[in-house]
Amino acid sequence: MAHEQHKELIQALHECMTACNHCYDACLQEEDLNMMANCIRLDRECADICSYVEQALTRGTPFVSELTALCATICEACGEEYKKHDHDHCQKCAEACFKCAEACRAA
């Protein structure tokens, strides 16, 4: 099966999507939403692309290199944004994003 060769990448994508969804929800609970606006926006972008790439890989997409390159770019940008915030959920999300970007680049 096509998705078996991307097992580790699929796991990294899923973990990143989950971390971004958690960060998104946690950011919405923060007092200064204006300060968190870009983080919240990027949480959605990153979670959505990770989810899509995960699904595409399990379907055996012929666009692995194109999708993973885009996903790596988005994950990297998100990780850089999350590093700016001291919240534990943002730091954990940054870690998941950088791990996912690395996995995407290795695909």
C-alpha atoms as a PDB file:
ATOM      1  CA  MET A   1       0.000   0.000   0.000  1.00  0.00           C
ATOM      2  CA  ALA A   2       1.253   3.449  -0.915  1.00  0.00           C
ATOM      3  CA  HIS A   3       0.706   4.966   2.505  1.00  0.00           C
ATOM      4  CA  GLU A   4       2.889   2.361   4.264  1.00  0.00           C
ATOM      5  CA  GLN A   5       6.045   3.955   2.846  1.00  0.00           C
ATOM      6  CA  HIS A   6       5.030   7.292   4.413  1.00  0.00           C
ATOM      7  CA  LYS A   7       4.045   5.915   7.828  1.00  0.00           C
ATOM      8  CA  GLU A   8       6.376   8.192   9.848  1.00  0.00           C
ATOM      9  CA  LEU A   9       5.424  11.262   7.824  1.00  0.00           C
ATOM     10  CA  ILE A  10       1.728  10.512   8.277  1.00  0.00           C
ATOM     11  CA  GLN A  11       2.303  10.266  12.036  1.00  0.00           C
ATOM     12  CA  ALA A  12       4.168  13.615  12.088  1.00  0.00           C
ATOM     13  CA  LEU A  13       1.389  15.249  10.062  1.00  0.00           C
ATOM     14  CA  HIS A  14      -1.246  13.908  12.428  1.00  0.00           C
ATOM     15  CA  GLU A  15       0.658  15.044  15.520  1.00  0.00           C
ATOM     16  CA  CYS A  16       1.155  18.515  14.040  1.00  0.00           C
ATOM     17  CA  MET A  17      -2.512  18.819  13.100  1.00  0.00           C
ATOM     18  CA  THR A  18      -3.527  17.773  16.613  1.00  0.00           C
ATOM     19  CA  ALA A  19      -1.075  20.222  18.232  1.00  0.00           C
ATOM     20  CA  CYS A  20      -2.305  23.067  16.015  1.00  0.00           C
ATOM     21  CA  ASN A  21      -5.940  22.313  16.799  1.00  0.00           C
ATOM     22  CA  HIS A  22      -5.152  22.290  20.522  1.00  0.00           C
ATOM     23  CA  CYS A  23      -3.157  25.530  20.230  1.00  0.00           C
ATOM     24  CA  TYR A  24      -5.985  27.143  18.263  1.00  0.00           C
ATOM     25  CA  ASP A  25      -8.484  26.330  20.989  1.00  0.00           C
ATOM     26  CA  ALA A  26      -6.110  27.376  23.781  1.00  0.00           C
ATOM     27  CA  CYS A  27      -5.238  30.666  22.036  1.00  0.00           C
ATOM     28  CA  LEU A  28      -8.930  31.537  21.884  1.00  0.00           C
ATOM     29  CA  GLN A  29      -8.966  31.329  25.695  1.00  0.00           C
ATOM     30  CA  GLU A  30      -6.097  33.808  26.136  1.00  0.00           C
ATOM     31  CA  GLU A  31      -6.879  37.297  27.465  1.00  0.00           C
ATOM     32  CA  ASP A  32      -5.239  39.294  24.665  1.00  0.00           C
ATOM     33  CA  LEU A  33      -6.763  37.865  21.495  1.00  0.00           C
ATOM     34  CA  ASN A  34      -5.291  40.658  19.381  1.00  0.00           C
ATOM     35  CA  MET A  35      -1.810  39.511  20.368  1.00  0.00           C
ATOM     36  CA  MET A  36      -2.756  35.928  19.458  1.00  0.00           C
ATOM     37  CA  ALA A  37      -4.503  36.713  16.150  1.00  0.00           C
ATOM     38  CA  ASN A  38      -1.665  35.655  13.852  1.00  0.00           C
ATOM     39  CA  CYS A  39      -1.037  32.537  15.911  1.00  0.00           C
ATOM     40  CA  ILE A  40      -4.708  31.593  15.715  1.00  0.00           C
ATOM     41  CA  ARG A  41      -4.785  32.194  11.961  1.00  0.00           C
ATOM     42  CA  LEU A  42      -1.673  30.111  11.381  1.00  0.00           C
ATOM     43  CA  ASP A  43      -2.985  27.322  13.625  1.00  0.00           C
ATOM     44  CA  ARG A  44      -5.863  26.895  11.192  1.00  0.00           C
ATOM     45  CA  GLU A  45      -3.645  27.053   8.091  1.00  0.00           C
ATOM     46  CA  CYS A  46      -1.218  24.501   9.468  1.00  0.00           C
ATOM     47  CA  ALA A  47      -3.846  22.097  10.815  1.00  0.00           C
ATOM     48  CA  ASP A  48      -5.712  22.201   7.507  1.00  0.00           C
ATOM     49  CA  ILE A  49      -2.673  21.541   5.292  1.00  0.00           C
ATOM     50  CA  CYS A  50      -1.416  18.766   7.572  1.00  0.00           C
ATOM     51  CA  SER A  51      -4.824  17.117   7.529  1.00  0.00           C
ATOM     52  CA  TYR A  52      -5.059  17.387   3.755  1.00  0.00           C
ATOM     53  CA  VAL A  53      -1.554  16.021   3.135  1.00  0.00           C
ATOM     54  CA  GLU A  54      -2.190  13.156   5.573  1.00  0.00           C
ATOM     55  CA  GLN A  55      -5.358  12.230   3.674  1.00  0.00           C
ATOM     56  CA  ALA A  56      -3.672  12.612   0.290  1.00  0.00           C
ATOM     57  CA  LEU A  57      -0.812  10.325   1.312  1.00  0.00           C
ATOM     58  CA  THR A  58      -3.216   7.632   2.472  1.00  0.00           C
ATOM     59  CA  ARG A  59      -4.930   7.849  -0.938  1.00  0.00           C
ATOM     60  CA  GLY A  60      -1.623   7.410  -2.752  1.00  0.00           C
ATOM     61  CA  THR A  61      -1.419  10.924  -4.211  1.00  0.00           C
ATOM     62  CA  PRO A  62       0.950  11.410  -7.152  1.00  0.00           C
ATOM     63  CA  PHE A  63       1.788  14.883  -5.773  1.00  0.00           C
ATOM     64  CA  VAL A  64       3.833  13.841  -2.727  1.00  0.00           C
ATOM     65  CA  SER A  65       6.776  16.157  -3.407  1.00  0.00           C
ATOM     66  CA  GLU A  66       4.622  19.191  -4.204  1.00  0.00           C
ATOM     67  CA  LEU A  67       2.327  18.759  -1.206  1.00  0.00           C
ATOM     68  CA  THR A  68       5.101  18.021   1.263  1.00  0.00           C
ATOM     69  CA  ALA A  69       7.103  21.033   0.065  1.00  0.00           C
ATOM     70  CA  LEU A  70       4.109  23.315   0.641  1.00  0.00           C
ATOM     71  CA  CYS A  71       3.352  21.700   3.992  1.00  0.00           C
ATOM     72  CA  ALA A  72       6.978  22.120   5.124  1.00  0.00           C
ATOM     73  CA  THR A  73       6.865  25.826   4.235  1.00  0.00           C
ATOM     74  CA  ILE A  74       3.643  26.366   6.173  1.00  0.00           C
ATOM     75  CA  CYS A  75       4.775  24.311   9.175  1.00  0.00           C
ATOM     76  CA  GLU A  76       8.060  26.234   9.331  1.00  0.00           C
ATOM     77  CA  ALA A  77       6.268  29.604   9.204  1.00  0.00           C
ATOM     78  CA  CYS A  78       3.873  28.491  11.897  1.00  0.00           C
ATOM     79  CA  GLY A  79       6.645  27.210  14.121  1.00  0.00           C
ATOM     80  CA  GLU A  80       8.435  30.547  13.854  1.00  0.00           C
ATOM     81  CA  GLU A  81       5.253  32.372  14.904  1.00  0.00           C
ATOM     82  CA  TYR A  82       4.547  30.053  17.821  1.00  0.00           C
ATOM     83  CA  LYS A  83       8.090  30.455  19.154  1.00  0.00           C
ATOM     84  CA  LYS A  84       7.265  34.130  19.780  1.00  0.00           C
ATOM     85  CA  HIS A  85       4.691  33.198  22.433  1.00  0.00           C
ATOM     86  CA  ASP A  86       5.582  31.916  25.887  1.00  0.00           C
ATOM     87  CA  HIS A  87       2.418  29.860  26.305  1.00  0.00           C
ATOM     88  CA  ASP A  88       3.077  26.163  26.793  1.00  0.00           C
ATOM     89  CA  HIS A  89       0.579  25.244  24.050  1.00  0.00           C
ATOM     90  CA  CYS A  90       2.380  27.511  21.571  1.00  0.00           C
ATOM     91  CA  GLN A  91       5.795  26.068  22.442  1.00  0.00           C
ATOM     92  CA  LYS A  92       4.513  22.491  22.050  1.00  0.00           C
ATOM     93  CA  CYS A  93       2.904  23.439  18.763  1.00  0.00           C
ATOM     94  CA  ALA A  94       6.147  24.987  17.503  1.00  0.00           C
ATOM     95  CA  GLU A  95       7.964  21.751  18.321  1.00  0.00           C
ATOM     96  CA  ALA A  96       5.376  19.671  16.434  1.00  0.00           C
ATOM     97  CA  CYS A  97       5.505  22.051  13.457  1.00  0.00           C
ATOM     98  CA  PHE A  98       9.290  21.937  13.163  1.00  0.00           C
ATOM     99  CA  LYS A  99       9.246  18.141  13.455  1.00  0.00           C
ATOM    100  CA  CYS A 100       6.592  17.945  10.739  1.00  0.00           C
ATOM    101  CA  ALA A 101       8.482  20.342   8.456  1.00  0.00           C
ATOM    102  CA  GLU A 102      11.573  18.181   8.795  1.00  0.00           C
ATOM    103  CA  ALA A 103       9.586  15.021   8.023  1.00  0.00           C
ATOM    104  CA  CYS A 104       8.008  16.710   4.991  1.00  0.00           C
ATOM    105  CA  ARG A 105      11.400  17.755   3.648  1.00  0.00           C
ATOM    106  CA  ALA A 106      12.713  14.206   4.077  1.00  0.00           C
ATOM    107  CA  ALA A 107       9.830  12.713   2.061  1.00  0.00           C
END
